Amino acid sequence: MAKAYTERAGEVAELVISAPPLNLFDGQLIGDLEVALAEIGTLTRESAVRAVLLRAEGKVFCAGVDVHEFQDLSTSAGAHLMARFLAVVQSLEGLPVPVLAVVHALNLTIGFELSLGCDLMWAAEEASFGLVEATVGLTPGGGGTQRLVARAGAARAAELVMTGDIYPATEMHQWGVVNRVLPAAVLLEQARAFAPRPAAGPTAATAIGKRVLQTARDHGVAAADAITPREVGRVFATRDLAAGITSLLEHGPRQAAFQGR
């Protein structure tokens, strides 16, 4: 049985982690995520999927990695495993559509890193987060360190990485890591109600907006400025912009029906 799978609700794809009881990452889960992300990537290129929701089933979002995966690894084998973890995060992050992580409970190590690869993160009031690799003598290898620096700053990222402590969703919200904190009973319902909104947006323009945001994050404002005219210029060739202008002139603001092209 697959430990990760996709579901579709119109133009929204749900990427679901389902490896009970603790959603521990192992070789099969990573492989299932690789397959699911490749499928979603194809659907986004066909404009069949225009937003993604990442969620997990069970009592925790992710309790980390099955430590058996780390036993007796050589330096090269350990590097290869970390490269696979990072590649999954990068694949999710690189999707040209809005991606929302919905974290309902405890979320540790690679699960946290995967959700940091999403554009937006919503969490339940009961949720908690940690990069706890230090407690077993490791350091995060799935890109969480650098993505926390981008969201929360270097000092706060250092605290998570060096202590291995676990932090509540409310604190992650205060630090700018989590966008919204909601009661667990309504979290998924509200996320599902929200996801069609960005899915209905101008997908090509959103993809370019993501590219500029990521360039600013990774290389600074000057680098983002350097690519902005060229990248945003590409939007002028899209059907959605032409439709949006026509709709604004004929019907007023926020009435456009975008097709993602």
Protein backbone atom coordinates (compact mmCIF):
# COMPACT_ATOMS: atom_id res chain seq x y z
CA MET A 1 0.00 0.00 0.00
CA ALA A 2 1.30 3.47 -0.91
CA LYS A 3 2.46 5.65 1.96
CA ALA A 4 1.79 8.84 -0.02
CA TYR A 5 -0.88 9.44 -2.62
CA THR A 6 -2.79 12.19 -4.41
CA GLU A 7 -6.45 13.11 -4.45
CA ARG A 8 -8.16 15.58 -6.76
CA ALA A 9 -10.93 18.06 -6.04
CA GLY A 10 -11.39 20.01 -9.24
CA GLU A 11 -8.22 21.98 -9.91
CA VAL A 12 -6.83 21.34 -6.42
CA ALA A 13 -4.61 18.32 -5.80
CA GLU A 14 -4.12 16.99 -2.29
CA LEU A 15 -0.76 15.35 -1.59
CA VAL A 16 -1.39 13.04 1.34
CA ILE A 17 1.14 11.38 3.66
CA SER A 18 -0.35 8.17 5.04
CA ALA A 19 2.14 5.94 6.85
CA PRO A 20 0.50 5.07 10.17
CA PRO A 21 0.95 5.27 13.03
CA LEU A 22 3.61 8.00 13.01
CA ASN A 23 4.13 8.90 9.34
CA LEU A 24 7.82 8.09 9.66
CA PHE A 25 9.81 8.66 6.50
CA ASP A 26 11.50 5.61 5.01
CA GLY A 27 12.58 4.54 1.55
CA GLN A 28 9.07 3.64 0.47
CA LEU A 29 7.52 6.92 1.63
CA ILE A 30 10.21 8.94 -0.13
CA GLY A 31 9.67 6.89 -3.28
CA ASP A 32 5.90 7.33 -3.10
CA LEU A 33 6.34 11.09 -2.68
CA GLU A 34 8.66 11.20 -5.68
CA VAL A 35 6.05 9.42 -7.81
CA ALA A 36 3.18 11.58 -6.53
CA LEU A 37 5.09 14.81 -7.11
CA ALA A 38 6.00 13.78 -10.64
CA GLU A 39 2.32 13.13 -11.31
CA ILE A 40 1.31 16.49 -9.86
CA GLY A 41 4.04 18.23 -11.83
CA THR A 42 2.63 16.82 -15.07
CA LEU A 43 -0.88 17.92 -14.14
CA THR A 44 0.30 21.46 -13.36
CA ARG A 45 2.00 21.71 -16.75
CA GLU A 46 -1.30 20.70 -18.36
CA SER A 47 -3.16 23.30 -16.22
CA ALA A 48 -5.31 20.48 -14.83
CA VAL A 49 -4.01 21.24 -11.31
CA ARG A 50 -3.67 24.87 -10.26
CA ALA A 51 -3.13 24.54 -6.50
CA VAL A 52 -1.80 21.86 -4.14
CA LEU A 53 -2.68 21.08 -0.55
CA LEU A 54 -0.19 19.02 1.49
CA ARG A 55 -1.65 17.12 4.43
CA ALA A 56 -1.12 14.00 6.50
CA GLU A 57 -3.38 11.39 8.01
CA GLY A 58 -3.22 10.02 11.55
CA LYS A 59 -2.47 11.34 15.01
CA VAL A 60 0.71 13.17 13.95
CA PHE A 61 1.72 14.98 10.77
CA CYS A 62 5.18 13.43 10.87
CA ALA A 63 7.28 12.06 13.73
CA GLY A 64 10.45 12.24 11.64
CA VAL A 65 12.54 9.63 9.87
CA ASP A 66 12.59 5.93 10.69
CA VAL A 67 16.03 5.82 12.36
CA HIS A 68 16.68 2.39 10.86
CA GLU A 69 17.28 4.31 7.62
CA PHE A 70 20.36 5.92 9.22
CA GLN A 71 22.01 2.83 10.65
CA ASP A 72 25.40 1.81 9.25
CA LEU A 73 25.34 4.35 6.41
CA SER A 74 28.63 5.38 4.86
CA THR A 75 29.41 9.01 4.23
CA SER A 76 28.42 8.69 0.58
CA ALA A 77 25.24 6.75 1.37
CA GLY A 78 24.24 9.33 3.97
CA ALA A 79 24.81 12.13 1.49
CA HIS A 80 22.70 10.29 -1.09
CA LEU A 81 19.82 9.89 1.38
CA MET A 82 19.95 13.57 2.30
CA ALA A 83 19.98 14.47 -1.40
CA ARG A 84 16.75 12.49 -1.88
CA PHE A 85 15.12 14.25 1.07
CA LEU A 86 16.17 17.64 -0.26
CA ALA A 87 15.08 16.82 -3.81
CA VAL A 88 11.55 15.99 -2.61
CA VAL A 89 11.35 19.33 -0.80
CA GLN A 90 12.67 21.12 -3.89
CA SER A 91 10.18 19.34 -6.14
CA LEU A 92 7.28 20.48 -3.96
CA GLU A 93 8.71 23.98 -3.70
CA GLY A 94 9.27 24.16 -7.46
CA LEU A 95 5.68 23.45 -8.45
CA PRO A 96 4.43 26.43 -10.52
CA VAL A 97 1.21 26.73 -8.50
CA PRO A 98 0.33 27.80 -4.95
CA VAL A 99 1.12 25.09 -2.38
CA LEU A 100 -0.45 25.06 1.09
CA ALA A 101 0.73 22.82 3.94
CA VAL A 102 -1.99 21.87 6.44
CA VAL A 103 -0.33 20.70 9.66
CA HIS A 104 -2.78 19.21 12.13
CA ALA A 105 -0.42 17.87 14.82
CA LEU A 106 3.22 17.16 15.71
CA ASN A 107 5.55 17.81 12.76
CA LEU A 108 9.23 16.94 13.09
CA THR A 109 12.40 16.82 10.97
CA ILE A 110 11.74 15.95 7.32
CA GLY A 111 7.98 16.49 7.71
CA PHE A 112 8.65 20.01 8.95
CA GLU A 113 11.19 20.52 6.16
CA LEU A 114 8.66 19.37 3.58
CA SER A 115 6.07 21.82 4.86
CA LEU A 116 8.70 24.59 4.76
CA GLY A 117 8.91 23.90 1.02
CA CYS A 118 5.30 25.08 0.67
CA ASP A 119 4.30 28.65 -0.11
CA LEU A 120 1.87 28.82 2.80
CA MET A 121 1.58 26.88 6.04
CA TRP A 122 -1.53 26.60 8.19
CA ALA A 123 -1.47 24.79 11.52
CA ALA A 124 -3.83 23.55 14.17
CA GLU A 125 -3.64 25.16 17.61
CA GLU A 126 -2.42 21.81 18.95
CA ALA A 127 0.32 21.42 16.34
CA SER A 128 4.00 21.65 17.21
CA PHE A 129 7.20 21.76 15.20
CA GLY A 130 10.82 20.80 15.60
CA LEU A 131 14.07 20.02 13.86
CA VAL A 132 15.11 17.46 16.45
CA GLU A 133 17.98 15.84 14.55
CA ALA A 134 20.48 17.07 17.15
CA THR A 135 18.96 14.67 19.70
CA VAL A 136 20.36 11.73 17.72
CA GLY A 137 23.60 13.42 16.72
CA LEU A 138 22.51 14.56 13.26
CA THR A 139 21.78 17.90 11.60
CA PRO A 140 18.82 18.65 9.30
CA GLY A 141 19.51 17.57 5.72
CA GLY A 142 16.24 18.27 3.93
CA GLY A 143 16.64 22.01 3.54
CA GLY A 144 14.84 23.03 6.72
CA THR A 145 17.76 25.00 8.15
CA GLN A 146 18.03 27.41 5.24
CA ARG A 147 14.28 27.73 4.76
CA LEU A 148 13.84 28.59 8.42
CA VAL A 149 16.48 31.30 8.03
CA ALA A 150 14.39 32.76 5.22
CA ARG A 151 11.16 32.68 7.25
CA ALA A 152 12.27 33.34 10.81
CA GLY A 153 15.82 34.71 10.63
CA ALA A 154 19.19 33.15 11.34
CA ALA A 155 19.08 33.47 15.14
CA ARG A 156 15.74 31.69 15.50
CA ALA A 157 16.72 29.04 12.98
CA ALA A 158 19.92 28.45 14.94
CA GLU A 159 17.89 27.90 18.11
CA LEU A 160 15.77 25.20 16.48
CA VAL A 161 18.71 23.46 14.84
CA MET A 162 21.10 23.58 17.79
CA THR A 163 18.69 22.71 20.60
CA GLY A 164 16.45 20.15 18.89
CA ASP A 165 13.57 21.60 20.90
CA ILE A 166 9.90 21.43 19.89
CA TYR A 167 7.89 24.65 19.51
CA PRO A 168 4.11 25.25 19.51
CA ALA A 169 2.27 26.47 16.45
CA THR A 170 1.49 29.78 18.14
CA GLU A 171 5.20 30.53 18.50
CA MET A 172 5.87 29.49 14.91
CA HIS A 173 3.13 31.91 13.88
CA GLN A 174 4.73 34.73 15.87
CA TRP A 175 8.05 33.98 14.17
CA GLY A 176 6.54 34.13 10.68
CA VAL A 177 6.95 30.42 9.95
CA VAL A 178 3.22 29.60 10.03
CA ASN A 179 0.67 31.79 8.24
CA ARG A 180 -2.46 30.88 10.20
CA VAL A 181 -3.30 28.95 13.36
CA LEU A 182 -6.80 27.49 13.56
CA PRO A 183 -8.72 25.04 15.76
CA ALA A 184 -8.00 21.47 14.68
CA ALA A 185 -11.71 20.77 14.16
CA VAL A 186 -11.95 23.28 11.33
CA LEU A 187 -8.38 23.36 9.97
CA LEU A 188 -8.75 21.00 7.01
CA GLU A 189 -12.27 22.20 6.22
CA GLN A 190 -11.12 25.82 6.02
CA ALA A 191 -7.99 24.92 4.06
CA ARG A 192 -10.10 23.05 1.52
CA ALA A 193 -12.44 26.01 1.29
CA PHE A 194 -9.48 28.35 0.74
CA ALA A 195 -7.51 26.31 -1.82
CA PRO A 196 -9.86 26.87 -4.79
CA ARG A 197 -9.30 30.62 -4.42
CA PRO A 198 -5.62 30.64 -5.47
CA ALA A 199 -6.38 27.77 -7.88
CA ALA A 200 -8.77 30.09 -9.71
CA GLY A 201 -6.11 32.76 -10.09
CA PRO A 202 -3.90 33.56 -13.09
CA THR A 203 -1.66 30.52 -12.89
CA ALA A 204 1.11 31.74 -15.19
CA ALA A 205 1.36 35.04 -13.32
CA THR A 206 1.40 33.18 -10.01
CA ALA A 207 4.25 30.95 -11.18
CA ILE A 208 6.28 34.00 -12.16
CA GLY A 209 5.44 35.64 -8.85
CA LYS A 210 6.78 32.54 -7.07
CA ARG A 211 9.98 32.73 -9.10
CA VAL A 212 10.54 36.37 -8.13
CA LEU A 213 9.78 35.63 -4.48
CA GLN A 214 12.21 32.72 -4.39
CA THR A 215 14.90 34.77 -6.14
CA ALA A 216 14.51 37.53 -3.56
CA ARG A 217 14.69 34.96 -0.77
CA ASP A 218 17.74 33.18 -2.13
CA HIS A 219 19.70 36.01 -3.75
CA GLY A 220 18.32 39.31 -2.47
CA VAL A 221 16.31 42.24 -3.76
CA ALA A 222 18.83 43.27 -6.42
CA ALA A 223 18.73 39.82 -8.02
CA ALA A 224 14.92 39.83 -7.96
CA ASP A 225 14.93 43.30 -9.53
CA ALA A 226 17.21 42.03 -12.28
CA ILE A 227 14.79 39.30 -13.39
CA THR A 228 11.49 41.10 -12.76
CA PRO A 229 11.07 42.97 -16.08
CA ARG A 230 11.87 39.89 -18.15
CA GLU A 231 9.78 37.49 -16.07
CA VAL A 232 6.76 39.76 -15.63
CA GLY A 233 6.98 40.68 -19.31
CA ARG A 234 6.14 37.07 -20.12
CA VAL A 235 2.73 37.52 -18.47
CA PHE A 236 1.69 39.88 -21.28
CA ALA A 237 1.55 36.91 -23.66
CA THR A 238 -0.97 35.01 -21.49
CA ARG A 239 -4.65 34.61 -22.23
CA ASP A 240 -5.45 35.24 -18.57
CA LEU A 241 -4.09 38.79 -18.64
CA ALA A 242 -6.09 39.62 -21.77
CA ALA A 243 -9.21 38.13 -20.18
CA GLY A 244 -8.55 39.95 -16.91
CA ILE A 245 -8.25 43.34 -18.62
CA THR A 246 -11.39 42.78 -20.66
CA SER A 247 -13.30 41.67 -17.57
CA LEU A 248 -12.16 44.69 -15.58
CA LEU A 249 -13.25 47.10 -18.31
CA GLU A 250 -16.59 45.41 -18.91
CA HIS A 251 -17.60 44.13 -15.49
CA GLY A 252 -15.43 45.80 -12.86
CA PRO A 253 -12.78 44.38 -10.49
CA ARG A 254 -12.50 40.76 -9.34
CA GLN A 255 -14.92 39.34 -11.89
CA ALA A 256 -12.40 37.67 -14.22
CA ALA A 257 -12.57 33.93 -14.83
CA PHE A 258 -9.01 32.75 -15.40
CA GLN A 259 -8.19 29.54 -17.27
CA GLY A 260 -4.59 29.15 -16.11
CA ARG A 261 -3.14 29.90 -19.54
